[in-house]
Amino acid sequence: MEFDFIIVGSGSAGSVMAKRLTEDGKNTVLVLEYGGTDRGPLIQMPSALSYPMSMQLYNWGFESEPEPHLNGRRLATPRGKVMGGSSSINGMVYVRGHARDFDTWEDMGATGWGFADVLPYFKRMENVEGGQDGWRGHDGPMYVKRGRRLNPLYKAFIEAGRQAGYPVTSDYNGQQQEGFADMEMTVHEGLRWSAANAYLKPAMKNGRIKLVTGAMARRVLLNGKRATGVEYEVGGKVLTATARREVIIAASTINSPAILQRSGIGPAQVLQDAGIPVLHALAGVGENLHDHLEVYFQLRCLAPVSLNRDLGLISKGMIGLQWLLFGTGLGATNHFESCAFIRSKAGIEYPDIQYHFLPAAMRYDGKAAFAGDGFQVHVGPMRTKSRGFVRVQNNDAKSRPKILFNYMSHGDDWEEFRACIRHTREIMKQAAMVPYAGEEIQPGADVISDAQIDDFIRQHCESAYHPCGTSKMGSVKDKLAVVDPECRVIGIQNLRVVDSSIMPQVTNGNLNAPTLMIGEKASDHILGKPMLAPSNLEPWVNPHWREQQR
């Protein structure tokens, strides 16, 4: 069991690297994945997205510690436990992030990860249907498309944003993110286009990749300050594999720092408390955990056009049959076909609020929120200042780490979330929504004051499932940096972390697209290739952002 590279995790970044590291025919790669196959309609059918995320078969089922600022609630923290990782259970929403996100990364010490540097990698991976000329890729493995927007509520939402004074952008993944827009999804020919479908499965045909499923990574094997391989468990047997070149951890924001800590790499006190010998003290491992929170803003629909009437067993059966036979219909979309990115107030340079619009009123488990027609927006702030941690309790790989996001621990988060609620109410009162917007079910028209809104948020906010930051990328002079700008674990040879955990700060939107990009760019670093030439395109930023909210 000796390979050039060992990749722990077959998720968004892991699948990308498996393809890129083997496509020249020179390297062999072992991919260790604890989950199993992604076959079957519950994963591959886009509109069935609520099922795999709630199934123990496909989801690690993590949850946070009682969150002190959310009435002690434990929040679900799903991570994919299947081929394709979280890209096989996510909402398939495709958002690159704002250009300023990546410029901020560079300012924080991630040299070479500014927007000009990462844009070529986004373009390399994309195969976009439409999109802004010059800004998008059209021959990559990751198919990206827009929904058909047949439901009138999608267009009404965008028009309401325009009427409220916000811009409308033709491509939020192009030059201008700010505004109301058609939303993009990773769906191709009616299928969820996960990292496994786009990268891993086609690459496995080259014979250079060995995928082991049901493999629980226990620890990285070290010889002094050099990684030599991985110890893992399959079916109760403990095995080892040797890496001739490098070990690459791509196991998620939760599991990647846990694997490092179990390997003796991490904050000395955390390791000592867990009874793990300190082989390499690295203070930032597991720290800097943060996420996006959101609430469902729900209204009754005055017209009989919402998807609530399609949530019954008979309707679902017909939708499923059409998808199975033809790969079309309501089963072939994630239903997030309109969106918006706006700024919460004047003085904010680029959007800090995101909307997902859904022409149905649903609960987090995918069931109808109330009887009758309804619709909702998922809304939340994008750049939380709250930070938490992931810490192992012992050296047992099957033992869950302690996860505390410390959600809403910073006062600015409350101010931004209140703005989310108030701006949403204003949008829903525009003329375009008058034929549709009925009674406000959630938060409720009587939730008006700061204290009432705060109480609603405290009781009802949930994770948008975008955890990141626990293996922070930065300068070697940064005491909390875990990896350098080439994703190498600081102080350890032949070991890298490549996934959403290396993000110094969460991006403005959903995390699958930037995580794929991280896998693309890291592959060139690993192979010692020259970086793709930086882009000279200039992103749009509202010229009046200092004095105007819209």
Protein backbone atom coordinates (compact mmCIF):
# COMPACT_ATOMS: atom_id res chain seq x y z
CA MET A 1 0.00 0.00 0.00
CA GLU A 2 2.42 2.64 -1.25
CA PHE A 3 1.31 5.58 -3.37
CA ASP A 4 2.72 8.89 -4.50
CA PHE A 5 -0.07 10.75 -2.74
CA ILE A 6 -2.65 9.88 -0.12
CA ILE A 7 -5.79 12.03 -0.03
CA VAL A 8 -8.02 11.73 3.03
CA GLY A 9 -11.54 12.59 1.92
CA SER A 10 -13.30 12.36 -1.46
CA GLY A 11 -15.24 15.62 -1.12
CA SER A 12 -15.12 18.76 -3.24
CA ALA A 13 -11.38 19.43 -2.89
CA GLY A 14 -10.34 15.77 -2.59
CA SER A 15 -12.07 14.74 -5.81
CA VAL A 16 -10.55 17.65 -7.70
CA MET A 17 -7.05 16.75 -6.55
CA ALA A 18 -7.49 13.06 -7.35
CA LYS A 19 -8.13 14.04 -10.96
CA ARG A 20 -5.51 16.75 -11.31
CA LEU A 21 -2.68 14.82 -9.61
CA THR A 22 -3.10 11.80 -11.88
CA GLU A 23 -4.05 13.25 -15.24
CA ASP A 24 -0.44 13.34 -16.52
CA GLY A 25 -0.14 9.57 -15.87
CA LYS A 26 2.88 9.97 -13.59
CA ASN A 27 1.40 9.68 -10.10
CA THR A 28 -0.66 7.18 -8.14
CA VAL A 29 -3.19 8.34 -5.56
CA LEU A 30 -4.94 6.60 -2.70
CA VAL A 31 -8.24 8.22 -1.72
CA LEU A 32 -9.59 7.26 1.70
CA GLU A 33 -13.34 7.83 2.16
CA TYR A 34 -15.28 6.74 5.24
CA GLY A 35 -18.61 6.84 3.42
CA GLY A 36 -19.79 4.63 0.61
CA THR A 37 -21.32 4.87 -2.84
CA ASP A 38 -23.29 7.85 -4.06
CA ARG A 39 -25.52 5.75 -6.29
CA GLY A 40 -29.26 6.07 -6.06
CA PRO A 41 -31.95 8.69 -6.62
CA LEU A 42 -31.85 10.24 -3.16
CA ILE A 43 -28.45 11.74 -3.95
CA GLN A 44 -28.56 12.05 -7.72
CA MET A 45 -32.06 13.60 -7.97
CA PRO A 46 -31.60 17.33 -7.33
CA SER A 47 -34.98 18.03 -5.74
CA ALA A 48 -34.47 15.18 -3.23
CA LEU A 49 -31.77 17.25 -1.54
CA SER A 50 -33.41 17.27 1.90
CA TYR A 51 -33.17 13.46 2.19
CA PRO A 52 -29.42 12.65 2.06
CA MET A 53 -28.62 15.54 4.39
CA SER A 54 -30.86 13.98 7.05
CA MET A 55 -29.68 10.38 6.58
CA GLN A 56 -27.04 8.80 8.81
CA LEU A 57 -25.92 6.75 5.80
CA TYR A 58 -24.65 9.87 4.02
CA ASN A 59 -24.14 12.43 6.78
CA TRP A 60 -21.64 12.43 9.64
CA GLY A 61 -24.42 13.90 11.78
CA PHE A 62 -22.29 16.33 13.75
CA GLU A 63 -23.89 18.90 15.99
CA SER A 64 -22.56 21.79 18.00
CA GLU A 65 -22.19 22.02 21.72
CA PRO A 66 -25.00 24.01 23.39
CA GLU A 67 -24.56 27.46 21.89
CA PRO A 68 -24.44 30.01 24.75
CA HIS A 69 -25.89 32.89 22.70
CA LEU A 70 -28.70 30.82 21.15
CA ASN A 71 -30.51 29.70 24.31
CA GLY A 72 -28.22 26.70 24.64
CA ARG A 73 -29.48 25.13 21.41
CA ARG A 74 -27.37 22.50 19.67
CA LEU A 75 -27.24 23.23 15.94
CA ALA A 76 -26.93 20.57 13.27
CA THR A 77 -23.59 20.53 11.44
CA PRO A 78 -24.01 18.08 8.56
CA ARG A 79 -20.96 16.94 6.59
CA GLY A 80 -21.01 14.50 3.69
CA LYS A 81 -20.03 10.90 4.48
CA VAL A 82 -20.16 9.52 0.93
CA MET A 83 -18.31 9.71 -2.38
CA GLY A 84 -18.23 13.37 -3.27
CA GLY A 85 -18.41 14.41 0.39
CA SER A 86 -20.65 17.37 1.12
CA SER A 87 -21.06 18.07 -2.61
CA SER A 88 -23.21 14.91 -2.66
CA ILE A 89 -25.61 16.14 0.05
CA ASN A 90 -25.57 19.93 -0.34
CA GLY A 91 -28.13 22.27 -1.91
CA MET A 92 -26.19 22.42 -5.22
CA VAL A 93 -26.09 26.23 -5.10
CA TYR A 94 -23.12 27.67 -7.01
CA VAL A 95 -21.60 30.89 -5.66
CA ARG A 96 -17.97 31.80 -6.22
CA GLY A 97 -17.95 34.49 -3.56
CA HIS A 98 -17.18 38.18 -3.98
CA ALA A 99 -13.87 39.34 -5.42
CA ARG A 100 -13.13 41.22 -2.18
CA ASP A 101 -13.34 37.95 -0.22
CA PHE A 102 -10.20 36.70 -1.89
CA ASP A 103 -8.42 40.06 -1.73
CA THR A 104 -9.14 39.93 2.01
CA TRP A 105 -7.60 36.45 2.20
CA GLU A 106 -4.44 37.89 0.70
CA ASP A 107 -4.50 40.81 3.12
CA MET A 108 -4.75 38.25 5.95
CA GLY A 109 -1.55 36.52 4.80
CA ALA A 110 -2.72 34.10 2.10
CA THR A 111 -0.30 35.48 -0.47
CA GLY A 112 -1.23 34.56 -4.03
CA TRP A 113 -4.91 33.97 -3.25
CA GLY A 114 -6.26 37.38 -4.25
CA PHE A 115 -9.13 37.61 -6.72
CA ALA A 116 -6.80 38.10 -9.69
CA ASP A 117 -5.03 34.85 -8.74
CA VAL A 118 -8.09 32.66 -8.10
CA LEU A 119 -10.32 33.79 -10.99
CA PRO A 120 -8.36 31.71 -13.56
CA TYR A 121 -8.95 28.61 -11.42
CA PHE A 122 -12.67 29.26 -11.19
CA LYS A 123 -12.72 29.55 -14.97
CA ARG A 124 -10.65 26.37 -15.41
CA MET A 125 -13.10 24.26 -13.43
CA GLU A 126 -16.37 25.67 -14.81
CA ASN A 127 -18.58 24.54 -17.67
CA VAL A 128 -21.18 27.28 -17.46
CA GLU A 129 -24.41 27.48 -19.40
CA GLY A 130 -24.51 31.17 -20.30
CA GLY A 131 -22.78 33.58 -17.95
CA GLN A 132 -20.88 36.77 -18.57
CA ASP A 133 -18.37 36.68 -21.41
CA GLY A 134 -14.76 36.71 -20.29
CA TRP A 135 -15.62 36.08 -16.65
CA ARG A 136 -16.80 32.48 -16.83
CA GLY A 137 -15.38 29.14 -17.87
CA HIS A 138 -17.04 26.92 -20.48
CA ASP A 139 -14.94 23.77 -20.87
CA GLY A 140 -14.22 22.58 -17.32
CA PRO A 141 -15.63 19.47 -15.62
CA MET A 142 -18.03 21.28 -13.25
CA TYR A 143 -21.31 21.94 -15.04
CA VAL A 144 -23.20 25.00 -13.84
CA LYS A 145 -26.63 26.06 -15.04
CA ARG A 146 -29.62 28.22 -14.20
CA GLY A 147 -33.08 26.98 -13.49
CA ARG A 148 -35.91 27.51 -15.94
CA ARG A 149 -37.70 29.88 -13.54
CA LEU A 150 -41.12 28.70 -14.65
CA ASN A 151 -42.75 29.68 -11.36
CA PRO A 152 -43.83 33.36 -11.43
CA LEU A 153 -42.59 33.87 -7.86
CA TYR A 154 -38.95 33.73 -8.99
CA LYS A 155 -39.30 36.71 -11.30
CA ALA A 156 -41.53 38.58 -8.85
CA PHE A 157 -38.80 38.39 -6.21
CA ILE A 158 -36.18 39.84 -8.55
CA GLU A 159 -38.56 42.57 -9.72
CA ALA A 160 -39.38 43.44 -6.11
CA GLY A 161 -35.68 43.93 -5.46
CA ARG A 162 -35.42 46.27 -8.42
CA GLN A 163 -38.47 48.21 -7.24
CA ALA A 164 -36.90 48.56 -3.78
CA GLY A 165 -33.93 50.28 -5.38
CA TYR A 166 -31.41 47.44 -5.52
CA PRO A 167 -29.46 46.61 -8.67
CA VAL A 168 -30.27 43.58 -10.80
CA THR A 169 -27.19 41.71 -11.98
CA SER A 170 -27.07 39.49 -15.04
CA ASP A 171 -24.43 37.22 -13.49
CA TYR A 172 -23.60 37.36 -9.78
CA ASN A 173 -20.64 35.04 -10.47
CA GLY A 174 -19.35 37.51 -13.05
CA GLN A 175 -18.23 41.10 -12.73
CA GLN A 176 -21.04 42.21 -10.40
CA GLN A 177 -22.21 40.10 -7.49
CA GLU A 178 -24.26 42.81 -5.80
CA GLY A 179 -27.96 42.75 -6.63
CA PHE A 180 -30.88 40.46 -7.41
CA ALA A 181 -30.29 37.65 -9.87
CA ASP A 182 -31.08 34.26 -11.32
CA MET A 183 -29.35 31.64 -9.16
CA GLU A 184 -26.97 29.01 -10.51
CA MET A 185 -26.84 25.34 -9.58
CA THR A 186 -24.47 22.40 -10.08
CA VAL A 187 -26.91 20.24 -12.05
CA HIS A 188 -26.19 18.53 -15.38
CA GLU A 189 -28.65 16.62 -17.53
CA GLY A 190 -31.01 16.34 -14.60
CA LEU A 191 -28.38 14.99 -12.17
CA ARG A 192 -26.70 16.47 -9.10
CA TRP A 193 -23.30 17.39 -10.49
CA SER A 194 -21.19 16.61 -7.43
CA ALA A 195 -17.42 16.60 -7.26
CA ALA A 196 -17.61 12.81 -7.56
CA ASN A 197 -19.56 13.01 -10.83
CA ALA A 198 -17.46 15.84 -12.23
CA TYR A 199 -13.96 14.80 -11.15
CA LEU A 200 -13.48 11.56 -9.24
CA LYS A 201 -15.45 9.02 -11.28
CA PRO A 202 -14.08 10.10 -14.68
CA ALA A 203 -10.55 10.24 -13.27
CA MET A 204 -10.76 6.72 -11.85
CA LYS A 205 -10.83 5.39 -15.39
CA ASN A 206 -7.13 6.24 -15.74
CA GLY A 207 -6.17 3.41 -13.39
CA ARG A 208 -3.97 5.66 -11.25
CA ILE A 209 -6.47 6.13 -8.40
CA LYS A 210 -7.38 3.63 -5.71
CA LEU A 211 -10.52 4.58 -3.80
CA VAL A 212 -11.09 2.83 -0.48
CA THR A 213 -14.55 3.38 0.98
CA GLY A 214 -15.49 2.62 4.57
CA ALA A 215 -12.01 3.83 5.54
CA MET A 216 -11.81 5.78 8.79
CA ALA A 217 -8.60 7.84 8.92
CA ARG A 218 -7.14 7.48 12.41
CA ARG A 219 -3.98 9.57 12.19
CA VAL A 220 -1.18 10.81 9.98
CA LEU A 221 2.01 8.82 10.42
CA LEU A 222 5.04 10.98 11.20
CA ASN A 223 8.76 10.38 11.14
CA GLY A 224 9.97 13.33 13.18
CA LYS A 225 8.59 16.39 11.41
CA ARG A 226 7.82 14.56 8.16
CA ALA A 227 4.54 12.87 7.18
CA THR A 228 5.08 9.38 5.80
CA GLY A 229 1.59 7.92 5.51
CA VAL A 230 -1.81 7.37 7.09
CA GLU A 231 -3.15 4.87 9.61
CA TYR A 232 -6.77 3.99 8.88
CA GLU A 233 -9.41 1.43 9.78
CA VAL A 234 -11.60 -0.63 7.46
CA GLY A 235 -14.05 -3.19 8.79
CA GLY A 236 -12.40 -3.29 12.19
CA LYS A 237 -8.90 -3.81 10.77
CA VAL A 238 -6.21 -1.17 11.31
CA LEU A 239 -4.13 -0.64 8.18
CA THR A 240 -1.40 1.71 7.07
CA ALA A 241 -0.55 3.25 3.71
CA THR A 242 2.67 5.00 2.76
CA ALA A 243 2.96 8.18 0.71
CA ARG A 244 6.10 8.50 -1.38
CA ARG A 245 5.47 12.22 -1.88
CA GLU A 246 2.74 13.74 0.29
CA VAL A 247 -0.24 13.19 2.55
CA ILE A 248 -3.13 15.57 1.85
CA ILE A 249 -5.95 16.03 4.35
CA ALA A 250 -9.21 17.03 2.64
CA ALA A 251 -11.67 15.75 5.21
CA SER A 252 -13.79 18.87 5.98
CA THR A 253 -13.69 21.77 8.38
CA ILE A 254 -14.68 19.38 11.18
CA ASN A 255 -12.67 16.26 10.40
CA SER A 256 -9.44 17.79 9.05
CA PRO A 257 -8.43 19.51 12.30
CA ALA A 258 -9.59 16.46 14.26
CA ILE A 259 -7.26 14.21 12.22
CA LEU A 260 -4.37 16.61 12.74
CA GLN A 261 -5.02 16.74 16.47
CA ARG A 262 -5.24 12.94 16.76
CA SER A 263 -1.90 12.85 14.95
CA GLY A 264 -0.29 14.98 17.66
CA ILE A 265 -0.44 18.21 15.65
CA GLY A 266 -2.32 21.07 17.30
CA PRO A 267 -2.63 23.30 20.35
CA ALA A 268 -0.53 21.73 23.10
CA GLN A 269 -3.14 22.11 25.83
CA VAL A 270 -5.92 20.63 23.67
CA LEU A 271 -3.77 17.59 22.89
CA GLN A 272 -2.70 17.14 26.49
CA ASP A 273 -6.29 17.37 27.71
CA ALA A 274 -7.20 14.64 25.21
CA GLY A 275 -4.30 12.40 26.31
CA ILE A 276 -2.49 12.75 22.97
CA PRO A 277 1.32 13.19 22.84
CA VAL A 278 2.30 16.59 21.45
CA LEU A 279 4.40 15.83 18.39
CA HIS A 280 4.10 19.27 16.84
CA ALA A 281 2.55 22.21 18.69
CA LEU A 282 0.48 24.31 16.29
CA ALA A 283 -1.87 26.68 18.07
CA GLY A 284 -4.36 27.33 15.27
CA VAL A 285 -5.46 23.75 14.54
CA GLY A 286 -9.19 23.63 15.19
CA GLU A 287 -9.49 27.34 16.02
CA ASN A 288 -11.13 30.09 13.90
CA LEU A 289 -14.30 28.02 13.31
CA HIS A 290 -17.09 30.08 11.79
CA ASP A 291 -20.14 29.67 9.59
CA HIS A 292 -23.15 31.37 8.04
CA LEU A 293 -26.42 31.48 9.96
CA GLU A 294 -29.81 32.01 8.35
CA VAL A 295 -33.51 32.15 9.08
CA TYR A 296 -36.47 31.19 6.94
CA PHE A 297 -38.61 34.29 6.31
CA GLN A 298 -41.99 32.76 5.40
CA LEU A 299 -45.22 34.19 3.97
CA ARG A 300 -48.53 32.78 2.87
CA CYS A 301 -48.97 32.96 -0.88
CA LEU A 302 -52.19 34.63 -2.09
CA ALA A 303 -52.08 32.90 -5.48
CA PRO A 304 -52.16 29.11 -5.99
CA VAL A 305 -48.70 28.97 -7.54
CA SER A 306 -46.33 27.77 -4.80
CA LEU A 307 -44.70 24.37 -4.62
CA ASN A 308 -46.51 23.53 -1.39
CA ARG A 309 -49.20 21.83 -3.45
CA ASP A 310 -46.51 19.48 -4.81
CA LEU A 311 -45.36 18.18 -1.41
CA GLY A 312 -47.93 15.39 -1.12
CA LEU A 313 -47.06 11.75 -1.73
CA ILE A 314 -48.88 11.51 -5.07
CA SER A 315 -47.30 14.69 -6.41
CA LYS A 316 -43.86 13.61 -5.22
CA GLY A 317 -44.36 10.25 -6.87
CA MET A 318 -45.22 11.83 -10.21
CA ILE A 319 -42.26 14.20 -9.96
CA GLY A 320 -39.96 11.29 -9.20
CA LEU A 321 -41.33 9.22 -12.08
CA GLN A 322 -40.80 12.02 -14.59
CA TRP A 323 -37.25 12.46 -13.34
CA LEU A 324 -36.50 8.72 -13.48
CA LEU A 325 -37.87 8.39 -17.01
CA PHE A 326 -36.69 11.64 -18.59
CA GLY A 327 -34.41 13.47 -16.13
CA THR A 328 -36.67 16.51 -16.35
CA GLY A 329 -39.37 18.36 -14.43
CA LEU A 330 -39.46 19.55 -10.85
CA GLY A 331 -37.15 16.69 -9.84
CA ALA A 332 -34.31 18.13 -11.94
CA THR A 333 -33.88 21.37 -10.00
CA ASN A 334 -32.88 22.34 -6.47
CA HIS A 335 -35.66 24.98 -6.60
CA PHE A 336 -33.27 27.78 -5.62
CA GLU A 337 -33.60 29.71 -8.86
CA SER A 338 -33.58 33.34 -7.67
CA CYS A 339 -31.28 35.05 -5.19
CA ALA A 340 -29.83 38.34 -4.04
CA PHE A 341 -26.68 39.78 -2.49
CA ILE A 342 -27.13 43.16 -0.83
CA ARG A 343 -25.34 45.42 1.64
CA SER A 344 -26.83 45.87 5.10
CA LYS A 345 -26.03 49.58 5.38
CA ALA A 346 -24.02 52.43 3.90
CA GLY A 347 -20.32 52.13 4.57
CA ILE A 348 -20.20 48.40 3.73
CA GLU A 349 -18.07 47.99 0.61
CA TYR A 350 -19.61 44.80 -0.76
CA PRO A 351 -22.64 42.62 0.02
CA ASP A 352 -22.94 41.16 3.50
CA ILE A 353 -26.46 39.69 3.21
CA GLN A 354 -27.48 36.74 1.01
CA TYR A 355 -30.94 35.61 -0.07
CA HIS A 356 -31.98 32.22 -1.39
CA PHE A 357 -35.55 32.42 -2.71
CA LEU A 358 -37.77 29.33 -2.60
CA PRO A 359 -41.34 29.22 -4.03
CA ALA A 360 -42.50 27.04 -1.13
CA ALA A 361 -42.77 27.38 2.63
CA MET A 362 -40.89 24.44 4.12
CA ARG A 363 -39.24 23.33 7.33
CA TYR A 364 -35.59 22.34 7.61
CA ASP A 365 -36.59 18.67 7.18
CA GLY A 366 -38.26 19.38 3.83
CA LYS A 367 -41.87 19.12 5.05
CA ALA A 368 -44.51 21.82 4.56
CA ALA A 369 -44.29 24.60 7.14
CA PHE A 370 -48.06 25.14 7.18
CA ALA A 371 -51.18 24.17 5.27
CA GLY A 372 -51.81 26.00 2.02
CA ASP A 373 -49.62 27.95 -0.39
CA GLY A 374 -46.54 29.75 0.82
CA PHE A 375 -43.04 30.84 -0.05
CA GLN A 376 -39.87 31.85 1.77
CA VAL A 377 -36.44 33.39 1.56
CA HIS A 378 -33.44 32.05 3.40
CA VAL A 379 -31.64 35.14 4.63
CA GLY A 380 -28.60 35.75 6.79
CA PRO A 381 -25.44 37.83 7.20
CA MET A 382 -22.29 36.78 5.39
CA ARG A 383 -19.31 37.92 7.45
CA THR A 384 -19.75 36.96 11.07
CA LYS A 385 -17.14 38.10 13.55
CA SER A 386 -17.96 35.25 15.96
CA ARG A 387 -15.39 32.46 16.23
CA GLY A 388 -15.39 29.00 17.77
CA PHE A 389 -13.37 25.78 17.65
CA VAL A 390 -13.16 22.04 16.93
CA ARG A 391 -11.32 19.99 19.58
CA VAL A 392 -10.93 16.24 19.93
CA GLN A 393 -11.70 14.70 23.32
CA ASN A 394 -9.41 11.68 22.94
CA ASN A 395 -7.44 9.78 20.31
CA ASP A 396 -10.38 7.59 19.20
CA ALA A 397 -11.24 8.34 15.56
CA LYS A 398 -14.84 7.23 16.15
CA SER A 399 -15.32 9.68 19.00
CA ARG A 400 -17.00 12.95 18.01
CA PRO A 401 -14.92 16.10 18.47
CA LYS A 402 -16.23 18.98 20.54
CA ILE A 403 -17.68 21.60 18.17
CA LEU A 404 -18.54 25.08 19.41
CA PHE A 405 -19.21 27.81 16.86
CA ASN A 406 -19.92 30.42 19.52
CA TYR A 407 -22.58 31.75 17.17
CA MET A 408 -23.75 35.36 17.65
CA SER A 409 -21.09 36.10 20.27
CA HIS A 410 -20.17 39.38 18.56
CA GLY A 411 -22.50 42.37 18.78
CA ASP A 412 -22.13 43.26 15.08
CA ASP A 413 -23.74 39.94 14.14
CA TRP A 414 -26.97 41.00 15.84
CA GLU A 415 -27.04 44.34 14.08
CA GLU A 416 -26.54 42.70 10.69
CA PHE A 417 -29.20 40.05 11.34
CA ARG A 418 -31.76 42.70 12.33
CA ALA A 419 -31.02 44.43 9.03
CA CYS A 420 -31.74 41.13 7.23
CA ILE A 421 -35.25 41.01 8.69
CA ARG A 422 -36.07 44.66 8.08
CA HIS A 423 -34.76 44.79 4.52
CA THR A 424 -36.67 41.61 3.71
CA ARG A 425 -39.93 43.08 4.94
CA GLU A 426 -39.43 46.11 2.74
CA ILE A 427 -38.73 43.94 -0.31
CA MET A 428 -41.85 41.86 0.30
CA LYS A 429 -44.02 45.01 0.30
CA GLN A 430 -43.03 46.06 -3.22
CA ALA A 431 -45.63 46.14 -6.00
CA ALA A 432 -44.25 43.01 -7.70
CA MET A 433 -45.06 40.96 -4.58
CA VAL A 434 -48.55 42.40 -3.95
CA PRO A 435 -50.33 39.62 -5.90
CA TYR A 436 -48.49 36.96 -3.87
CA ALA A 437 -47.35 38.19 -0.44
CA GLY A 438 -49.92 37.34 2.21
CA GLU A 439 -49.61 36.96 5.96
CA GLU A 440 -46.10 36.89 7.39
CA ILE A 441 -45.88 33.53 9.15
CA GLN A 442 -42.30 33.80 10.28
CA PRO A 443 -41.01 35.92 12.04
CA GLY A 444 -44.57 37.30 12.30
CA ALA A 445 -45.84 40.83 11.81
CA ASP A 446 -45.77 41.49 15.56
CA VAL A 447 -42.00 40.89 15.76
CA ILE A 448 -40.87 44.49 15.38
CA SER A 449 -38.49 45.78 18.04
CA ASP A 450 -34.79 44.96 18.25
CA ALA A 451 -35.47 42.78 21.29
CA GLN A 452 -38.27 40.87 19.54
CA ILE A 453 -36.19 40.32 16.42
CA ASP A 454 -33.22 39.20 18.51
CA ASP A 455 -35.43 36.72 20.36
CA PHE A 456 -36.73 35.33 17.07
CA ILE A 457 -33.20 34.92 15.75
CA ARG A 458 -32.07 33.28 18.99
CA GLN A 459 -34.86 30.71 18.75
CA HIS A 460 -35.04 30.07 15.00
CA CYS A 461 -31.71 30.69 13.26
CA GLU A 462 -29.97 27.63 11.86
CA SER A 463 -26.67 26.95 10.19
CA ALA A 464 -26.55 27.49 6.44
CA TYR A 465 -24.04 24.60 6.52
CA HIS A 466 -20.98 26.65 5.51
CA PRO A 467 -18.44 25.89 8.29
CA CYS A 468 -14.86 26.87 7.57
CA GLY A 469 -11.62 28.21 8.94
CA THR A 470 -10.25 25.55 11.30
CA SER A 471 -6.94 25.05 9.42
CA LYS A 472 -6.44 28.68 8.58
CA MET A 473 -4.16 29.59 5.70
CA GLY A 474 -1.76 32.46 6.33
CA SER A 475 1.77 33.66 6.83
CA VAL A 476 4.16 31.45 8.78
CA LYS A 477 4.49 34.46 11.13
CA ASP A 478 0.79 34.22 12.02
CA LYS A 479 0.56 32.28 15.28
CA LEU A 480 -2.91 30.93 14.37
CA ALA A 481 -2.05 29.95 10.79
CA VAL A 482 -2.06 26.19 10.19
CA VAL A 483 -1.06 26.06 6.51
CA ASP A 484 1.07 28.38 4.43
CA PRO A 485 -0.12 29.85 1.09
CA GLU A 486 0.79 26.58 -0.64
CA CYS A 487 -1.45 24.65 1.79
CA ARG A 488 1.55 23.03 3.53
CA VAL A 489 1.12 22.38 7.24
CA ILE A 490 3.50 24.80 8.89
CA GLY A 491 6.47 22.96 10.41
CA ILE A 492 5.66 19.52 8.92
CA GLN A 493 7.11 18.26 5.66
CA ASN A 494 5.03 16.39 3.06
CA LEU A 495 1.70 17.24 4.70
CA ARG A 496 -0.99 19.58 3.39
CA VAL A 497 -4.58 20.48 4.21
CA VAL A 498 -6.74 21.33 1.22
CA ASP A 499 -10.43 22.01 1.85
CA SER A 500 -12.77 24.67 3.26
CA SER A 501 -10.96 24.50 6.60
CA ILE A 502 -8.07 26.56 5.20
CA MET A 503 -10.26 29.61 4.43
CA PRO A 504 -9.01 32.49 6.59
CA GLN A 505 -12.47 34.06 6.37
CA VAL A 506 -15.75 32.69 5.05
CA THR A 507 -16.64 33.74 1.52
CA ASN A 508 -19.73 35.67 0.50
CA GLY A 509 -22.08 32.82 -0.33
CA ASN A 510 -22.18 29.03 -0.45
CA LEU A 511 -18.88 27.19 -0.05
CA ASN A 512 -18.85 24.43 -2.66
CA ALA A 513 -17.53 26.60 -5.51
CA PRO A 514 -14.61 28.16 -3.59
CA THR A 515 -13.72 24.75 -2.13
CA LEU A 516 -13.53 23.28 -5.63
CA MET A 517 -11.34 26.22 -6.61
CA ILE A 518 -9.08 25.54 -3.62
CA GLY A 519 -8.65 21.97 -4.87
CA GLU A 520 -7.79 23.21 -8.36
CA LYS A 521 -5.20 25.77 -7.27
CA ALA A 522 -3.67 23.53 -4.60
CA SER A 523 -3.15 20.82 -7.23
CA ASP A 524 -0.82 23.10 -9.14
CA HIS A 525 1.06 23.95 -5.93
CA ILE A 526 1.43 20.25 -5.11
CA LEU A 527 2.70 19.39 -8.58
CA GLY A 528 5.08 22.36 -8.59
CA LYS A 529 3.45 23.85 -11.66
CA PRO A 530 3.52 27.57 -12.43
CA MET A 531 0.32 29.26 -11.30
CA LEU A 532 -2.17 30.25 -13.98
CA ALA A 533 -1.60 33.81 -15.13
CA PRO A 534 -3.44 36.34 -12.94
CA SER A 535 -6.52 38.01 -14.37
CA ASN A 536 -6.63 41.73 -15.08
CA LEU A 537 -10.44 41.93 -14.95
CA GLU A 538 -11.84 44.51 -12.53
CA PRO A 539 -14.88 43.52 -10.41
CA TRP A 540 -17.73 45.98 -9.90
CA VAL A 541 -18.12 47.63 -6.53
CA ASN A 542 -20.91 50.15 -6.01
CA PRO A 543 -19.16 53.55 -6.38
CA HIS A 544 -21.48 55.06 -3.76
CA TRP A 545 -21.04 52.37 -1.11
CA ARG A 546 -19.68 54.79 1.47
CA GLU A 547 -22.82 56.92 1.55
CA GLN A 548 -25.60 54.66 0.21
CA GLN A 549 -27.02 51.28 1.25
CA ARG A 550 -28.36 50.64 -2.25
